PDB file of N, CA and C in Angstrom:
ATOM      1  N   UNK A   1       0.768  -1.168   0.096  1.00  0.00           N
ATOM      2  CA  UNK A   1       0.173   0.230   0.291  1.00  0.00           C
ATOM      3  C   UNK A   1       1.104   1.035   0.077  1.00  0.00           C
ATOM      4  N   UNK A   2       0.361   2.239  -1.010  1.00  0.00           N
ATOM      5  CA  UNK A   2       1.468   3.472  -0.961  1.00  0.00           C
ATOM      6  C   UNK A   2       0.256   4.550  -0.655  1.00  0.00           C
ATOM      7  N   UNK A   3       0.293   5.993  -0.088  1.00  0.00           N
ATOM      8  CA  UNK A   3      -0.348   6.731   0.196  1.00  0.00           C
ATOM      9  C   UNK A   3       0.375   8.135  -0.909  1.00  0.00           C
ATOM     10  N   UNK A   4      -0.562   9.169  -1.622  1.00  0.00           N
ATOM     11  CA  UNK A   4      -0.096   9.948  -2.702  1.00  0.00           C
ATOM     12  C   UNK A   4      -0.678  11.108  -1.898  1.00  0.00           C
ATOM     13  N   UNK A   5      -0.048  12.290  -1.629  1.00  0.00           N
ATOM     14  CA  UNK A   5      -0.115  13.474  -1.007  1.00  0.00           C
ATOM     15  C   UNK A   5      -0.053  14.480  -1.759  1.00  0.00           C
ATOM     16  N   UNK A   6      -1.397  15.161  -2.124  1.00  0.00           N
ATOM     17  CA  UNK A   6      -1.486  16.547  -2.753  1.00  0.00           C
ATOM     18  C   UNK A   6      -0.753  17.454  -1.508  1.00  0.00           C
ATOM     19  N   UNK A   7       0.497  17.949  -1.565  1.00  0.00           N
ATOM     20  CA  UNK A   7       1.331  18.930  -0.932  1.00  0.00           C
ATOM     21  C   UNK A   7       0.322  20.177  -0.948  1.00  0.00           C
ATOM     22  N   UNK A   8       0.457  20.551  -1.995  1.00  0.00           N
ATOM     23  CA  UNK A   8      -0.379  21.962  -2.477  1.00  0.00           C
ATOM     24  C   UNK A   8      -1.617  22.341  -1.631  1.00  0.00           C
ATOM     25  N   UNK A   9      -2.310  20.973  -1.502  1.00  0.00           N
ATOM     26  CA  UNK A   9      -3.521  21.128  -0.924  1.00  0.00           C
ATOM     27  C   UNK A   9      -3.496  21.494   0.753  1.00  0.00           C
ATOM     28  N   UNK A  10      -2.534  20.802   1.103  1.00  0.00           N
ATOM     29  CA  UNK A  10      -2.582  20.610   2.752  1.00  0.00           C
ATOM     30  C   UNK A  10      -2.524  22.176   3.311  1.00  0.00           C
ATOM     31  N   UNK A  11      -3.141  22.268   4.108  1.00  0.00           N
ATOM     32  CA  UNK A  11      -3.536  23.495   4.953  1.00  0.00           C
ATOM     33  C   UNK A  11      -2.941  23.443   6.456  1.00  0.00           C
ATOM     34  N   UNK A  12      -2.299  22.215   6.500  1.00  0.00           N
ATOM     35  CA  UNK A  12      -1.770  22.254   7.998  1.00  0.00           C
ATOM     36  C   UNK A  12      -2.399  21.683   9.534  1.00  0.00           C
ATOM     37  N   UNK A  13      -3.392  21.405   9.098  1.00  0.00           N
ATOM     38  CA  UNK A  13      -4.477  20.881  10.366  1.00  0.00           C
ATOM     39  C   UNK A  13      -3.561  19.667  10.910  1.00  0.00           C
ATOM     40  N   UNK A  14      -2.447  19.090  10.370  1.00  0.00           N
ATOM     41  CA  UNK A  14      -1.975  17.830  11.205  1.00  0.00           C
ATOM     42  C   UNK A  14      -2.687  17.105  11.773  1.00  0.00           C
ATOM     43  N   UNK A  15      -4.015  16.551  11.243  1.00  0.00           N
ATOM     44  CA  UNK A  15      -4.778  15.515  12.007  1.00  0.00           C
ATOM     45  C   UNK A  15      -4.068  14.213  11.492  1.00  0.00           C
ATOM     46  N   UNK A  16      -3.470  14.150  10.411  1.00  0.00           N
ATOM     47  CA  UNK A  16      -2.963  12.892   9.767  1.00  0.00           C
ATOM     48  C   UNK A  16      -1.644  12.764  10.853  1.00  0.00           C
ATOM     49  N   UNK A  17      -1.063  13.633  10.971  1.00  0.00           N
ATOM     50  CA  UNK A  17       0.025  13.417  11.646  1.00  0.00           C
ATOM     51  C   UNK A  17      -0.276  13.093  13.448  1.00  0.00           C
ATOM     52  N   UNK A  18      -1.617  13.652  13.984  1.00  0.00           N
ATOM     53  CA  UNK A  18      -2.196  13.129  15.204  1.00  0.00           C
ATOM     54  C   UNK A  18      -2.364  11.781  15.135  1.00  0.00           C
ATOM     55  N   UNK A  19      -2.852  10.908  14.096  1.00  0.00           N
ATOM     56  CA  UNK A  19      -2.827   9.624  14.012  1.00  0.00           C
ATOM     57  C   UNK A  19      -1.580   9.091  14.281  1.00  0.00           C
ATOM     58  N   UNK A  20      -0.482   9.365  13.121  1.00  0.00           N
ATOM     59  CA  UNK A  20       1.094   8.689  13.059  1.00  0.00           C
ATOM     60  C   UNK A  20       1.844   9.800  12.845  1.00  0.00           C
ATOM     61  N   UNK A  21       2.425   9.781  14.015  1.00  0.00           N
ATOM     62  CA  UNK A  21       3.359  10.946  13.216  1.00  0.00           C
ATOM     63  C   UNK A  21       4.697  10.235  12.721  1.00  0.00           C
ATOM     64  N   UNK A  22       4.782   9.127  12.845  1.00  0.00           N
ATOM     65  CA  UNK A  22       5.777   7.994  12.012  1.00  0.00           C
ATOM     66  C   UNK A  22       5.437   7.917  10.631  1.00  0.00           C
ATOM     67  N   UNK A  23       4.313   7.889  10.240  1.00  0.00           N
ATOM     68  CA  UNK A  23       3.559   7.747   8.674  1.00  0.00           C
ATOM     69  C   UNK A  23       3.282   9.101   8.121  1.00  0.00           C
ATOM     70  N   UNK A  24       3.230   9.930   9.174  1.00  0.00           N
ATOM     71  CA  UNK A  24       2.793  11.308   8.428  1.00  0.00           C
ATOM     72  C   UNK A  24       3.730  12.423   8.832  1.00  0.00           C
ATOM     73  N   UNK A  25       4.670  12.497   8.386  1.00  0.00           N
ATOM     74  CA  UNK A  25       5.724  13.649   8.984  1.00  0.00           C
ATOM     75  C   UNK A  25       5.411  14.750   8.308  1.00  0.00           C
ATOM     76  N   UNK A  26       5.961  16.203   9.569  1.00  0.00           N
ATOM     77  CA  UNK A  26       5.627  17.256   8.932  1.00  0.00           C
ATOM     78  C   UNK A  26       6.746  17.834   8.724  1.00  0.00           C
ATOM     79  N   UNK A  27       6.609  18.867   7.723  1.00  0.00           N
ATOM     80  CA  UNK A  27       7.795  19.762   7.830  1.00  0.00           C
ATOM     81  C   UNK A  27       7.702  21.163   8.785  1.00  0.00           C
ATOM     82  N   UNK A  28       8.940  22.022   8.901  1.00  0.00           N
ATOM     83  CA  UNK A  28       9.178  23.157  10.038  1.00  0.00           C
ATOM     84  C   UNK A  28       7.844  23.984   9.941  1.00  0.00           C
ATOM     85  N   UNK A  29       7.084  23.919   8.915  1.00  0.00           N
ATOM     86  CA  UNK A  29       5.913  24.610   9.099  1.00  0.00           C
ATOM     87  C   UNK A  29       4.646  24.511   9.441  1.00  0.00           C
ATOM     88  N   UNK A  30       4.625  22.816   9.897  1.00  0.00           N
ATOM     89  CA  UNK A  30       3.459  21.807  10.148  1.00  0.00           C
ATOM     90  C   UNK A  30       2.578  21.430   9.281  1.00  0.00           C
ATOM     91  N   UNK A  31       3.263  21.322   7.525  1.00  0.00           N
ATOM     92  CA  UNK A  31       2.411  20.746   6.896  1.00  0.00           C
ATOM     93  C   UNK A  31       3.096  19.623   6.583  1.00  0.00           C
ATOM     94  N   UNK A  32       2.456  18.572   5.556  1.00  0.00           N
ATOM     95  CA  UNK A  32       3.035  17.137   5.417  1.00  0.00           C
ATOM     96  C   UNK A  32       4.347  17.360   4.431  1.00  0.00           C
ATOM     97  N   UNK A  33       5.208  16.441   5.047  1.00  0.00           N
ATOM     98  CA  UNK A  33       6.593  16.913   4.699  1.00  0.00           C
ATOM     99  C   UNK A  33       6.886  16.063   3.279  1.00  0.00           C
ATOM    100  N   UNK A  34       6.121  14.991   2.964  1.00  0.00           N
ATOM    101  CA  UNK A  34       6.282  14.252   1.630  1.00  0.00           C
ATOM    102  C   UNK A  34       5.192  14.091   0.819  1.00  0.00           C
ATOM    103  N   UNK A  35       5.581  13.775  -0.339  1.00  0.00           N
ATOM    104  CA  UNK A  35       4.445  13.651  -1.329  1.00  0.00           C
ATOM    105  C   UNK A  35       4.202  11.811  -1.469  1.00  0.00           C
ATOM    106  N   UNK A  36       4.799  10.985  -1.018  1.00  0.00           N
ATOM    107  CA  UNK A  36       4.443   9.496  -1.181  1.00  0.00           C
ATOM    108  C   UNK A  36       4.577   9.158  -0.164  1.00  0.00           C
ATOM    109  N   UNK A  37       4.109   7.801   0.321  1.00  0.00           N
ATOM    110  CA  UNK A  37       4.750   7.127   1.422  1.00  0.00           C
ATOM    111  C   UNK A  37       4.327   5.828   1.345  1.00  0.00           C
ATOM    112  N   UNK A  38       5.219   5.215   1.430  1.00  0.00           N
ATOM    113  CA  UNK A  38       5.384   3.512   1.240  1.00  0.00           C
ATOM    114  C   UNK A  38       5.072   3.006   2.839  1.00  0.00           C
ATOM    115  N   UNK A  39       3.974   2.523   3.046  1.00  0.00           N
ATOM    116  CA  UNK A  39       3.267   1.712   4.370  1.00  0.00           C
ATOM    117  C   UNK A  39       3.573   0.722   4.356  1.00  0.00           C
ATOM    118  N   UNK A  40       4.494   0.724   5.737  1.00  0.00           N
ATOM    119  CA  UNK A  40       5.352  -0.585   6.307  1.00  0.00           C
ATOM    120  C   UNK A  40       4.001  -1.642   6.752  1.00  0.00           C
ATOM    121  N   UNK A  41       4.309  -3.026   6.279  1.00  0.00           N
ATOM    122  CA  UNK A  41       3.331  -3.832   6.833  1.00  0.00           C
ATOM    123  C   UNK A  41       2.852  -3.886   8.050  1.00  0.00           C
ATOM    124  N   UNK A  42       1.628  -4.165   8.345  1.00  0.00           N
ATOM    125  CA  UNK A  42       0.796  -3.897   9.657  1.00  0.00           C
ATOM    126  C   UNK A  42       0.524  -2.657   9.964  1.00  0.00           C
ATOM    127  N   UNK A  43       0.923  -1.752   9.176  1.00  0.00           N
ATOM    128  CA  UNK A  43       0.586  -0.119   9.451  1.00  0.00           C
ATOM    129  C   UNK A  43      -0.725   0.325   8.614  1.00  0.00           C
ATOM    130  N   UNK A  44      -1.343  -0.625   8.143  1.00  0.00           N
ATOM    131  CA  UNK A  44      -2.407  -0.421   6.937  1.00  0.00           C
ATOM    132  C   UNK A  44      -3.567   0.291   7.700  1.00  0.00           C
ATOM    133  N   UNK A  45      -4.096  -0.246   8.890  1.00  0.00           N
ATOM    134  CA  UNK A  45      -5.194   0.306   9.349  1.00  0.00           C
ATOM    135  C   UNK A  45      -5.129   1.864   9.787  1.00  0.00           C
ATOM    136  N   UNK A  46      -3.777   1.931  10.261  1.00  0.00           N
ATOM    137  CA  UNK A  46      -3.278   3.375  10.788  1.00  0.00           C
ATOM    138  C   UNK A  46      -3.089   4.375   9.756  1.00  0.00           C
ATOM    139  N   UNK A  47      -3.139   3.778   8.560  1.00  0.00           N
ATOM    140  CA  UNK A  47      -2.726   4.765   7.308  1.00  0.00           C
ATOM    141  C   UNK A  47      -4.072   5.019   6.889  1.00  0.00           C
ATOM    142  N   UNK A  48      -5.163   4.269   6.968  1.00  0.00           N
ATOM    143  CA  UNK A  48      -6.606   4.383   6.579  1.00  0.00           C
ATOM    144  C   UNK A  48      -7.180   5.535   7.665  1.00  0.00           C
ATOM    145  N   UNK A  49      -6.408   5.450   8.856  1.00  0.00           N
ATOM    146  CA  UNK A  49      -7.229   6.403   9.932  1.00  0.00           C
ATOM    147  C   UNK A  49      -6.515   7.955   9.416  1.00  0.00           C
ATOM    148  N   UNK A  50      -5.386   7.896   9.043  1.00  0.00           N
ATOM    149  CA  UNK A  50      -4.880   8.934   8.704  1.00  0.00           C
ATOM    150  C   UNK A  50      -5.450   9.955   7.307  1.00  0.00           C
ATOM    151  N   UNK A  51      -5.649   8.931   6.176  1.00  0.00           N
ATOM    152  CA  UNK A  51      -6.475   9.520   5.448  1.00  0.00           C
ATOM    153  C   UNK A  51      -7.710  10.029   5.539  1.00  0.00           C
ATOM    154  N   UNK A  52      -8.544   9.250   6.563  1.00  0.00           N
ATOM    155  CA  UNK A  52      -9.724   9.607   6.810  1.00  0.00           C
ATOM    156  C   UNK A  52     -10.132  10.791   7.476  1.00  0.00           C
ATOM    157  N   UNK A  53      -8.855  10.862   8.322  1.00  0.00           N
ATOM    158  CA  UNK A  53      -8.506  12.392   9.092  1.00  0.00           C
ATOM    159  C   UNK A  53      -8.187  13.774   8.491  1.00  0.00           C
ATOM    160  N   UNK A  54      -8.194  13.745   7.211  1.00  0.00           N
ATOM    161  CA  UNK A  54      -7.900  14.732   6.718  1.00  0.00           C
ATOM    162  C   UNK A  54      -9.040  15.531   6.183  1.00  0.00           C
ATOM    163  N   UNK A  55      -9.229  16.917   6.461  1.00  0.00           N
ATOM    164  CA  UNK A  55     -10.254  17.536   6.227  1.00  0.00           C
ATOM    165  C   UNK A  55     -10.607  17.882   4.921  1.00  0.00           C
ATOM    166  N   UNK A  56      -9.246  18.198   3.919  1.00  0.00           N
ATOM    167  CA  UNK A  56      -9.315  18.728   2.934  1.00  0.00           C
ATOM    168  C   UNK A  56      -8.968  17.337   1.494  1.00  0.00           C
ATOM    169  N   UNK A  57      -8.900  16.286   2.232  1.00  0.00           N
ATOM    170  CA  UNK A  57      -8.730  14.767   1.832  1.00  0.00           C
ATOM    171  C   UNK A  57      -7.744  14.844   0.413  1.00  0.00           C
ATOM    172  N   UNK A  58      -6.851  15.497   0.825  1.00  0.00           N
ATOM    173  CA  UNK A  58      -5.486  15.776  -0.123  1.00  0.00           C
ATOM    174  C   UNK A  58      -4.440  14.260   0.142  1.00  0.00           C
ATOM    175  N   UNK A  59      -4.687  13.146   0.856  1.00  0.00           N
ATOM    176  CA  UNK A  59      -4.184  12.029   0.975  1.00  0.00           C
ATOM    177  C   UNK A  59      -5.141  10.912  -0.067  1.00  0.00           C
ATOM    178  N   UNK A  60      -4.554  10.308  -0.705  1.00  0.00           N
ATOM    179  CA  UNK A  60      -5.278   8.990  -1.652  1.00  0.00           C
ATOM    180  C   UNK A  60      -4.433   7.824  -1.223  1.00  0.00           C
ATOM    181  N   UNK A  61      -5.166   6.951  -1.187  1.00  0.00           N
ATOM    182  CA  UNK A  61      -4.316   5.670  -0.869  1.00  0.00           C
ATOM    183  C   UNK A  61      -4.295   4.769  -2.065  1.00  0.00           C
ATOM    184  N   UNK A  62      -3.325   4.132  -2.652  1.00  0.00           N
ATOM    185  CA  UNK A  62      -2.993   3.360  -3.717  1.00  0.00           C
ATOM    186  C   UNK A  62      -2.679   1.841  -3.749  1.00  0.00           C
ATOM    187  N   UNK A  63      -3.428   1.228  -3.887  1.00  0.00           N
ATOM    188  CA  UNK A  63      -3.488  -0.035  -3.493  1.00  0.00           C
ATOM    189  C   UNK A  63      -2.659  -0.336  -4.628  1.00  0.00           C
ATOM    190  N   UNK A  64      -1.451  -1.694  -4.387  1.00  0.00           N
ATOM    191  CA  UNK A  64      -0.846  -2.117  -5.706  1.00  0.00           C
ATOM    192  C   UNK A  64      -1.039  -3.884  -5.413  1.00  0.00           C
TER     193      UNK A  64
END
């Protein structure tokens, strides 16, 4: 599973980061710091929770 992030759409609510700081790192300004995340095995449900937590819906799940 991968996650793709539209960083330009991020407004810095950091709700994804509150779900998992490990999966959703923030930059120094409080915005999501990456454009793609390879979800480690066993963290899929945590990743889905982080996706659902984003009010702007800028995080998409890519199933492979």
